[in-house]
Amino acid sequence: MNVSSKKGNNPEKWEKLLETLDEKLQLGLLEHLRRVTAYHIEDDILYVEPGSEADEEYLKRDSTFQQLEVLAADAIQIDKVKLKKLT
């Protein structure tokens, strides 16, 4: 089991998302998501807390964020992704 799957409430869906990214060769996005501090799936929303400021900057780019939403919708039926800001 991936270490990041222990950082959230739904390890099965999280692992499925990571596996989908790996299969689709979305390796940049995959690496940034593997380093998240925490994630939470509630209803059809995926909340992601980036692991670092660099990860946050990467994930909040418009093109990257849209790509994440599309891939998450396809892989685990998520309608929306929300990034938590680092403090």
PDB file of N, CA and C in Angstrom:
ATOM      1  N   MET A   1       0.844  -1.180   0.000  1.00  0.00           N
ATOM      2  CA  MET A   1       0.000   0.000   0.000  1.00  0.00           C
ATOM      3  C   MET A   1       0.886   1.238   0.000  1.00  0.00           C
ATOM      4  N   ASN A   2       0.551   2.185  -0.813  1.00  0.00           N
ATOM      5  CA  ASN A   2       1.291   3.437  -0.909  1.00  0.00           C
ATOM      6  C   ASN A   2       1.182   4.200   0.405  1.00  0.00           C
ATOM      7  N   VAL A   3       2.262   4.833   0.826  1.00  0.00           N
ATOM      8  CA  VAL A   3       2.278   5.595   2.079  1.00  0.00           C
ATOM      9  C   VAL A   3       1.219   6.684   2.073  1.00  0.00           C
ATOM     10  N   SER A   4       1.023   7.372   0.933  1.00  0.00           N
ATOM     11  CA  SER A   4       0.059   8.469   0.884  1.00  0.00           C
ATOM     12  C   SER A   4      -1.372   7.997   1.091  1.00  0.00           C
ATOM     13  N   SER A   5      -1.654   6.719   0.868  1.00  0.00           N
ATOM     14  CA  SER A   5      -3.013   6.227   1.061  1.00  0.00           C
ATOM     15  C   SER A   5      -3.397   6.226   2.534  1.00  0.00           C
ATOM     16  N   LYS A   6      -2.431   6.318   3.439  1.00  0.00           N
ATOM     17  CA  LYS A   6      -2.714   6.346   4.872  1.00  0.00           C
ATOM     18  C   LYS A   6      -3.022   7.762   5.352  1.00  0.00           C
ATOM     19  N   LYS A   7      -3.003   8.743   4.454  1.00  0.00           N
ATOM     20  CA  LYS A   7      -3.171  10.142   4.812  1.00  0.00           C
ATOM     21  C   LYS A   7      -4.565  10.656   4.511  1.00  0.00           C
ATOM     22  N   GLY A   8      -5.534   9.782   4.360  1.00  0.00           N
ATOM     23  CA  GLY A   8      -6.879  10.215   4.018  1.00  0.00           C
ATOM     24  C   GLY A   8      -7.924   9.206   4.439  1.00  0.00           C
ATOM     25  N   ASN A   9      -9.151   9.505   4.068  1.00  0.00           N
ATOM     26  CA  ASN A   9     -10.276   8.720   4.549  1.00  0.00           C
ATOM     27  C   ASN A   9     -10.734   7.619   3.593  1.00  0.00           C
ATOM     28  N   ASN A  10     -10.173   7.559   2.383  1.00  0.00           N
ATOM     29  CA  ASN A  10     -10.630   6.551   1.437  1.00  0.00           C
ATOM     30  C   ASN A  10      -9.444   6.009   0.629  1.00  0.00           C
ATOM     31  N   PRO A  11      -8.642   5.134   1.250  1.00  0.00           N
ATOM     32  CA  PRO A  11      -7.431   4.650   0.582  1.00  0.00           C
ATOM     33  C   PRO A  11      -7.691   3.910  -0.732  1.00  0.00           C
ATOM     34  N   GLU A  12      -8.844   3.254  -0.868  1.00  0.00           N
ATOM     35  CA  GLU A  12      -9.126   2.521  -2.103  1.00  0.00           C
ATOM     36  C   GLU A  12      -9.265   3.481  -3.277  1.00  0.00           C
ATOM     37  N   LYS A  13     -10.054   4.542  -3.094  1.00  0.00           N
ATOM     38  CA  LYS A  13     -10.235   5.512  -4.173  1.00  0.00           C
ATOM     39  C   LYS A  13      -8.944   6.262  -4.453  1.00  0.00           C
ATOM     40  N   TRP A  14      -8.207   6.616  -3.412  1.00  0.00           N
ATOM     41  CA  TRP A  14      -6.954   7.343  -3.592  1.00  0.00           C
ATOM     42  C   TRP A  14      -5.970   6.500  -4.408  1.00  0.00           C
ATOM     43  N   GLU A  15      -5.837   5.231  -4.047  1.00  0.00           N
ATOM     44  CA  GLU A  15      -4.936   4.340  -4.781  1.00  0.00           C
ATOM     45  C   GLU A  15      -5.397   4.181  -6.228  1.00  0.00           C
ATOM     46  N   LYS A  16      -6.709   4.112  -6.434  1.00  0.00           N
ATOM     47  CA  LYS A  16      -7.226   3.990  -7.799  1.00  0.00           C
ATOM     48  C   LYS A  16      -6.866   5.230  -8.608  1.00  0.00           C
ATOM     49  N   LEU A  17      -6.969   6.413  -8.013  1.00  0.00           N
ATOM     50  CA  LEU A  17      -6.587   7.646  -8.698  1.00  0.00           C
ATOM     51  C   LEU A  17      -5.100   7.625  -9.046  1.00  0.00           C
ATOM     52  N   LEU A  18      -4.257   7.259  -8.084  1.00  0.00           N
ATOM     53  CA  LEU A  18      -2.816   7.204  -8.334  1.00  0.00           C
ATOM     54  C   LEU A  18      -2.468   6.176  -9.417  1.00  0.00           C
ATOM     55  N   GLU A  19      -3.128   5.030  -9.393  1.00  0.00           N
ATOM     56  CA  GLU A  19      -2.893   3.998 -10.407  1.00  0.00           C
ATOM     57  C   GLU A  19      -3.310   4.499 -11.792  1.00  0.00           C
ATOM     58  N   THR A  20      -4.424   5.223 -11.853  1.00  0.00           N
ATOM     59  CA  THR A  20      -4.892   5.769 -13.123  1.00  0.00           C
ATOM     60  C   THR A  20      -3.884   6.765 -13.679  1.00  0.00           C
ATOM     61  N   LEU A  21      -3.361   7.627 -12.813  1.00  0.00           N
ATOM     62  CA  LEU A  21      -2.350   8.591 -13.255  1.00  0.00           C
ATOM     63  C   LEU A  21      -1.111   7.870 -13.778  1.00  0.00           C
ATOM     64  N   ASP A  22      -0.724   6.804 -13.106  1.00  0.00           N
ATOM     65  CA  ASP A  22       0.434   6.021 -13.531  1.00  0.00           C
ATOM     66  C   ASP A  22       0.175   5.371 -14.893  1.00  0.00           C
ATOM     67  N   GLU A  23      -1.001   4.775 -15.058  1.00  0.00           N
ATOM     68  CA  GLU A  23      -1.347   4.112 -16.313  1.00  0.00           C
ATOM     69  C   GLU A  23      -1.404   5.101 -17.477  1.00  0.00           C
ATOM     70  N   LYS A  24      -1.858   6.320 -17.216  1.00  0.00           N
ATOM     71  CA  LYS A  24      -1.982   7.332 -18.266  1.00  0.00           C
ATOM     72  C   LYS A  24      -0.701   8.153 -18.425  1.00  0.00           C
ATOM     73  N   LEU A  25       0.344   7.718 -17.737  1.00  0.00           N
ATOM     74  CA  LEU A  25       1.663   8.352 -17.808  1.00  0.00           C
ATOM     75  C   LEU A  25       1.626   9.832 -17.419  1.00  0.00           C
ATOM     76  N   GLN A  26       0.812  10.156 -16.438  1.00  0.00           N
ATOM     77  CA  GLN A  26       0.741  11.508 -15.886  1.00  0.00           C
ATOM     78  C   GLN A  26       1.700  11.575 -14.696  1.00  0.00           C
ATOM     79  N   LEU A  27       2.963  11.360 -14.985  1.00  0.00           N
ATOM     80  CA  LEU A  27       3.949  11.155 -13.935  1.00  0.00           C
ATOM     81  C   LEU A  27       4.231  12.407 -13.109  1.00  0.00           C
ATOM     82  N   GLY A  28       4.204  13.590 -13.711  1.00  0.00           N
ATOM     83  CA  GLY A  28       4.406  14.820 -12.949  1.00  0.00           C
ATOM     84  C   GLY A  28       3.312  15.008 -11.924  1.00  0.00           C
ATOM     85  N   LEU A  29       2.078  14.879 -12.359  1.00  0.00           N
ATOM     86  CA  LEU A  29       0.939  15.003 -11.456  1.00  0.00           C
ATOM     87  C   LEU A  29       0.971  13.908 -10.397  1.00  0.00           C
ATOM     88  N   LEU A  30       1.316  12.710 -10.798  1.00  0.00           N
ATOM     89  CA  LEU A  30       1.398  11.582  -9.883  1.00  0.00           C
ATOM     90  C   LEU A  30       2.397  11.848  -8.758  1.00  0.00           C
ATOM     91  N   GLU A  31       3.574  12.327  -9.102  1.00  0.00           N
ATOM     92  CA  GLU A  31       4.592  12.582  -8.075  1.00  0.00           C
ATOM     93  C   GLU A  31       4.152  13.655  -7.082  1.00  0.00           C
ATOM     94  N   HIS A  32       3.500  14.693  -7.567  1.00  0.00           N
ATOM     95  CA  HIS A  32       3.029  15.751  -6.663  1.00  0.00           C
ATOM     96  C   HIS A  32       1.924  15.231  -5.747  1.00  0.00           C
ATOM     97  N   LEU A  33       1.066  14.357  -6.248  1.00  0.00           N
ATOM     98  CA  LEU A  33       0.000  13.805  -5.407  1.00  0.00           C
ATOM     99  C   LEU A  33       0.528  12.770  -4.417  1.00  0.00           C
ATOM    100  N   ARG A  34       1.570  12.080  -4.773  1.00  0.00           N
ATOM    101  CA  ARG A  34       2.164  11.121  -3.828  1.00  0.00           C
ATOM    102  C   ARG A  34       2.733  11.817  -2.592  1.00  0.00           C
ATOM    103  N   ARG A  35       3.068  13.097  -2.739  1.00  0.00           N
ATOM    104  CA  ARG A  35       3.676  13.839  -1.628  1.00  0.00           C
ATOM    105  C   ARG A  35       2.666  14.651  -0.819  1.00  0.00           C
ATOM    106  N   VAL A  36       1.374  14.460  -1.043  1.00  0.00           N
ATOM    107  CA  VAL A  36       0.399  15.259  -0.300  1.00  0.00           C
ATOM    108  C   VAL A  36       0.519  14.998   1.193  1.00  0.00           C
ATOM    109  N   THR A  37       0.191  16.034   1.962  1.00  0.00           N
ATOM    110  CA  THR A  37       0.159  15.892   3.410  1.00  0.00           C
ATOM    111  C   THR A  37      -1.074  15.098   3.816  1.00  0.00           C
ATOM    112  N   ALA A  38      -2.209  15.398   3.160  1.00  0.00           N
ATOM    113  CA  ALA A  38      -3.461  14.704   3.447  1.00  0.00           C
ATOM    114  C   ALA A  38      -4.431  14.901   2.289  1.00  0.00           C
ATOM    115  N   TYR A  39      -5.389  14.003   2.211  1.00  0.00           N
ATOM    116  CA  TYR A  39      -6.492  14.148   1.267  1.00  0.00           C
ATOM    117  C   TYR A  39      -7.764  13.716   1.987  1.00  0.00           C
ATOM    118  N   HIS A  40      -8.901  14.151   1.454  1.00  0.00           N
ATOM    119  CA  HIS A  40     -10.182  13.780   2.037  1.00  0.00           C
ATOM    120  C   HIS A  40     -11.200  13.727   0.909  1.00  0.00           C
ATOM    121  N   ILE A  41     -11.952  12.652   0.838  1.00  0.00           N
ATOM    122  CA  ILE A  41     -13.008  12.521  -0.159  1.00  0.00           C
ATOM    123  C   ILE A  41     -14.334  12.567   0.575  1.00  0.00           C
ATOM    124  N   GLU A  42     -15.148  13.553   0.204  1.00  0.00           N
ATOM    125  CA  GLU A  42     -16.451  13.733   0.842  1.00  0.00           C
ATOM    126  C   GLU A  42     -17.480  13.953  -0.247  1.00  0.00           C
ATOM    127  N   ASP A  43     -18.501  13.119  -0.264  1.00  0.00           N
ATOM    128  CA  ASP A  43     -19.501  13.122  -1.329  1.00  0.00           C
ATOM    129  C   ASP A  43     -18.774  12.987  -2.661  1.00  0.00           C
ATOM    130  N   ASP A  44     -18.820  14.002  -3.499  1.00  0.00           N
ATOM    131  CA  ASP A  44     -18.144  13.940  -4.791  1.00  0.00           C
ATOM    132  C   ASP A  44     -17.076  15.030  -4.909  1.00  0.00           C
ATOM    133  N   ILE A  45     -16.458  15.365  -3.776  1.00  0.00           N
ATOM    134  CA  ILE A  45     -15.399  16.370  -3.737  1.00  0.00           C
ATOM    135  C   ILE A  45     -14.125  15.748  -3.168  1.00  0.00           C
ATOM    136  N   LEU A  46     -13.018  15.999  -3.855  1.00  0.00           N
ATOM    137  CA  LEU A  46     -11.710  15.560  -3.385  1.00  0.00           C
ATOM    138  C   LEU A  46     -10.973  16.773  -2.843  1.00  0.00           C
ATOM    139  N   TYR A  47     -10.645  16.752  -1.562  1.00  0.00           N
ATOM    140  CA  TYR A  47      -9.866  17.812  -0.930  1.00  0.00           C
ATOM    141  C   TYR A  47      -8.422  17.335  -0.847  1.00  0.00           C
ATOM    142  N   VAL A  48      -7.500  18.174  -1.291  1.00  0.00           N
ATOM    143  CA  VAL A  48      -6.089  17.806  -1.309  1.00  0.00           C
ATOM    144  C   VAL A  48      -5.286  18.871  -0.566  1.00  0.00           C
ATOM    145  N   GLU A  49      -4.459  18.423   0.376  1.00  0.00           N
ATOM    146  CA  GLU A  49      -3.540  19.323   1.072  1.00  0.00           C
ATOM    147  C   GLU A  49      -2.133  19.029   0.558  1.00  0.00           C
ATOM    148  N   PRO A  50      -1.587  19.931  -0.261  1.00  0.00           N
ATOM    149  CA  PRO A  50      -0.261  19.697  -0.850  1.00  0.00           C
ATOM    150  C   PRO A  50       0.811  19.503   0.217  1.00  0.00           C
ATOM    151  N   GLY A  51       1.869  18.797  -0.155  1.00  0.00           N
ATOM    152  CA  GLY A  51       2.944  18.500   0.781  1.00  0.00           C
ATOM    153  C   GLY A  51       3.958  19.610   0.953  1.00  0.00           C
ATOM    154  N   SER A  52       4.007  20.534   0.002  1.00  0.00           N
ATOM    155  CA  SER A  52       4.974  21.627   0.077  1.00  0.00           C
ATOM    156  C   SER A  52       4.452  22.816  -0.723  1.00  0.00           C
ATOM    157  N   GLU A  53       5.134  23.948  -0.578  1.00  0.00           N
ATOM    158  CA  GLU A  53       4.753  25.133  -1.354  1.00  0.00           C
ATOM    159  C   GLU A  53       4.946  24.878  -2.848  1.00  0.00           C
ATOM    160  N   ALA A  54       6.006  24.175  -3.211  1.00  0.00           N
ATOM    161  CA  ALA A  54       6.248  23.858  -4.622  1.00  0.00           C
ATOM    162  C   ALA A  54       5.127  22.980  -5.178  1.00  0.00           C
ATOM    163  N   ASP A  55       4.683  22.005  -4.385  1.00  0.00           N
ATOM    164  CA  ASP A  55       3.569  21.148  -4.816  1.00  0.00           C
ATOM    165  C   ASP A  55       2.290  21.968  -4.963  1.00  0.00           C
ATOM    166  N   GLU A  56       2.055  22.879  -4.022  1.00  0.00           N
ATOM    167  CA  GLU A  56       0.867  23.726  -4.089  1.00  0.00           C
ATOM    168  C   GLU A  56       0.885  24.590  -5.355  1.00  0.00           C
ATOM    169  N   GLU A  57       2.033  25.188  -5.647  1.00  0.00           N
ATOM    170  CA  GLU A  57       2.154  26.026  -6.847  1.00  0.00           C
ATOM    171  C   GLU A  57       1.884  25.208  -8.113  1.00  0.00           C
ATOM    172  N   TYR A  58       2.418  24.004  -8.164  1.00  0.00           N
ATOM    173  CA  TYR A  58       2.218  23.135  -9.325  1.00  0.00           C
ATOM    174  C   TYR A  58       0.747  22.755  -9.471  1.00  0.00           C
ATOM    175  N   LEU A  59       0.130  22.318  -8.384  1.00  0.00           N
ATOM    176  CA  LEU A  59      -1.240  21.825  -8.445  1.00  0.00           C
ATOM    177  C   LEU A  59      -2.260  22.917  -8.713  1.00  0.00           C
ATOM    178  N   LYS A  60      -1.971  24.150  -8.326  1.00  0.00           N
ATOM    179  CA  LYS A  60      -2.965  25.207  -8.525  1.00  0.00           C
ATOM    180  C   LYS A  60      -2.861  25.890  -9.893  1.00  0.00           C
ATOM    181  N   ARG A  61      -1.874  25.521 -10.712  1.00  0.00           N
ATOM    182  CA  ARG A  61      -1.824  26.020 -12.085  1.00  0.00           C
ATOM    183  C   ARG A  61      -3.111  25.613 -12.791  1.00  0.00           C
ATOM    184  N   ASP A  62      -3.674  26.529 -13.570  1.00  0.00           N
ATOM    185  CA  ASP A  62      -4.958  26.254 -14.224  1.00  0.00           C
ATOM    186  C   ASP A  62      -4.962  24.954 -15.017  1.00  0.00           C
ATOM    187  N   SER A  63      -3.969  24.759 -15.864  1.00  0.00           N
ATOM    188  CA  SER A  63      -3.953  23.565 -16.715  1.00  0.00           C
ATOM    189  C   SER A  63      -3.787  22.287 -15.890  1.00  0.00           C
ATOM    190  N   THR A  64      -2.935  22.332 -14.886  1.00  0.00           N
ATOM    191  CA  THR A  64      -2.710  21.160 -14.032  1.00  0.00           C
ATOM    192  C   THR A  64      -3.953  20.850 -13.219  1.00  0.00           C
ATOM    193  N   PHE A  65      -4.563  21.892 -12.655  1.00  0.00           N
ATOM    194  CA  PHE A  65      -5.759  21.704 -11.835  1.00  0.00           C
ATOM    195  C   PHE A  65      -6.904  21.126 -12.668  1.00  0.00           C
ATOM    196  N   GLN A  66      -7.104  21.651 -13.870  1.00  0.00           N
ATOM    197  CA  GLN A  66      -8.156  21.130 -14.749  1.00  0.00           C
ATOM    198  C   GLN A  66      -7.887  19.678 -15.120  1.00  0.00           C
ATOM    199  N   GLN A  67      -6.641  19.373 -15.383  1.00  0.00           N
ATOM    200  CA  GLN A  67      -6.256  17.998 -15.709  1.00  0.00           C
ATOM    201  C   GLN A  67      -6.561  17.070 -14.528  1.00  0.00           C
ATOM    202  N   LEU A  68      -6.238  17.510 -13.324  1.00  0.00           N
ATOM    203  CA  LEU A  68      -6.519  16.714 -12.127  1.00  0.00           C
ATOM    204  C   LEU A  68      -8.020  16.480 -11.974  1.00  0.00           C
ATOM    205  N   GLU A  69      -8.818  17.524 -12.180  1.00  0.00           N
ATOM    206  CA  GLU A  69     -10.274  17.367 -12.054  1.00  0.00           C
ATOM    207  C   GLU A  69     -10.815  16.375 -13.080  1.00  0.00           C
ATOM    208  N   VAL A  70     -10.356  16.457 -14.312  1.00  0.00           N
ATOM    209  CA  VAL A  70     -10.833  15.557 -15.365  1.00  0.00           C
ATOM    210  C   VAL A  70     -10.432  14.111 -15.064  1.00  0.00           C
ATOM    211  N   LEU A  71      -9.183  13.921 -14.684  1.00  0.00           N
ATOM    212  CA  LEU A  71      -8.711  12.562 -14.400  1.00  0.00           C
ATOM    213  C   LEU A  71      -9.371  11.982 -13.150  1.00  0.00           C
ATOM    214  N   ALA A  72      -9.590  12.800 -12.126  1.00  0.00           N
ATOM    215  CA  ALA A  72     -10.263  12.325 -10.916  1.00  0.00           C
ATOM    216  C   ALA A  72     -11.717  11.974 -11.205  1.00  0.00           C
ATOM    217  N   ALA A  73     -12.367  12.776 -12.040  1.00  0.00           N
ATOM    218  CA  ALA A  73     -13.760  12.490 -12.405  1.00  0.00           C
ATOM    219  C   ALA A  73     -13.854  11.146 -13.106  1.00  0.00           C
ATOM    220  N   ASP A  74     -12.929  10.898 -14.011  1.00  0.00           N
ATOM    221  CA  ASP A  74     -12.927   9.647 -14.759  1.00  0.00           C
ATOM    222  C   ASP A  74     -12.576   8.450 -13.880  1.00  0.00           C
ATOM    223  N   ALA A  75     -11.560   8.606 -13.043  1.00  0.00           N
ATOM    224  CA  ALA A  75     -11.053   7.475 -12.258  1.00  0.00           C
ATOM    225  C   ALA A  75     -11.928   7.129 -11.059  1.00  0.00           C
ATOM    226  N   ILE A  76     -12.376   8.156 -10.326  1.00  0.00           N
ATOM    227  CA  ILE A  76     -13.064   7.871  -9.057  1.00  0.00           C
ATOM    228  C   ILE A  76     -14.376   8.645  -8.897  1.00  0.00           C
ATOM    229  N   GLN A  77     -14.927   9.114  -9.998  1.00  0.00           N
ATOM    230  CA  GLN A  77     -16.220   9.786 -10.019  1.00  0.00           C
ATOM    231  C   GLN A  77     -16.290  10.974  -9.056  1.00  0.00           C
ATOM    232  N   ILE A  78     -15.287  11.818  -9.133  1.00  0.00           N
ATOM    233  CA  ILE A  78     -15.225  13.048  -8.347  1.00  0.00           C
ATOM    234  C   ILE A  78     -15.688  14.193  -9.243  1.00  0.00           C
ATOM    235  N   ASP A  79     -16.565  15.063  -8.728  1.00  0.00           N
ATOM    236  CA  ASP A  79     -17.044  16.198  -9.517  1.00  0.00           C
ATOM    237  C   ASP A  79     -16.181  17.438  -9.355  1.00  0.00           C
ATOM    238  N   LYS A  80     -15.516  17.544  -8.214  1.00  0.00           N
ATOM    239  CA  LYS A  80     -14.774  18.772  -7.925  1.00  0.00           C
ATOM    240  C   LYS A  80     -13.548  18.439  -7.083  1.00  0.00           C
ATOM    241  N   VAL A  81     -12.484  19.190  -7.308  1.00  0.00           N
ATOM    242  CA  VAL A  81     -11.269  19.076  -6.520  1.00  0.00           C
ATOM    243  C   VAL A  81     -11.043  20.425  -5.841  1.00  0.00           C
ATOM    244  N   LYS A  82     -10.695  20.385  -4.569  1.00  0.00           N
ATOM    245  CA  LYS A  82     -10.381  21.615  -3.843  1.00  0.00           C
ATOM    246  C   LYS A  82      -9.019  21.452  -3.200  1.00  0.00           C
ATOM    247  N   LEU A  83      -8.165  22.460  -3.392  1.00  0.00           N
ATOM    248  CA  LEU A  83      -6.848  22.450  -2.782  1.00  0.00           C
ATOM    249  C   LEU A  83      -6.884  23.250  -1.495  1.00  0.00           C
ATOM    250  N   LYS A  84      -6.349  22.678  -0.444  1.00  0.00           N
ATOM    251  CA  LYS A  84      -6.220  23.406   0.816  1.00  0.00           C
ATOM    252  C   LYS A  84      -4.943  24.222   0.752  1.00  0.00           C
ATOM    253  N   LYS A  85      -5.014  25.437   1.218  1.00  0.00           N
ATOM    254  CA  LYS A  85      -3.846  26.307   1.218  1.00  0.00           C
ATOM    255  C   LYS A  85      -2.919  25.943   2.370  1.00  0.00           C
ATOM    256  N   LEU A  86      -1.629  25.991   2.100  1.00  0.00           N
ATOM    257  CA  LEU A  86      -0.649  25.752   3.148  1.00  0.00           C
ATOM    258  C   LEU A  86      -0.602  26.974   4.055  1.00  0.00           C
ATOM    259  N   THR A  87      -0.394  26.737   5.322  1.00  0.00           N
ATOM    260  CA  THR A  87      -0.317  27.871   6.265  1.00  0.00           C
ATOM    261  C   THR A  87       1.103  28.134   6.676  1.00  0.00           C
TER     262      THR A  87
END
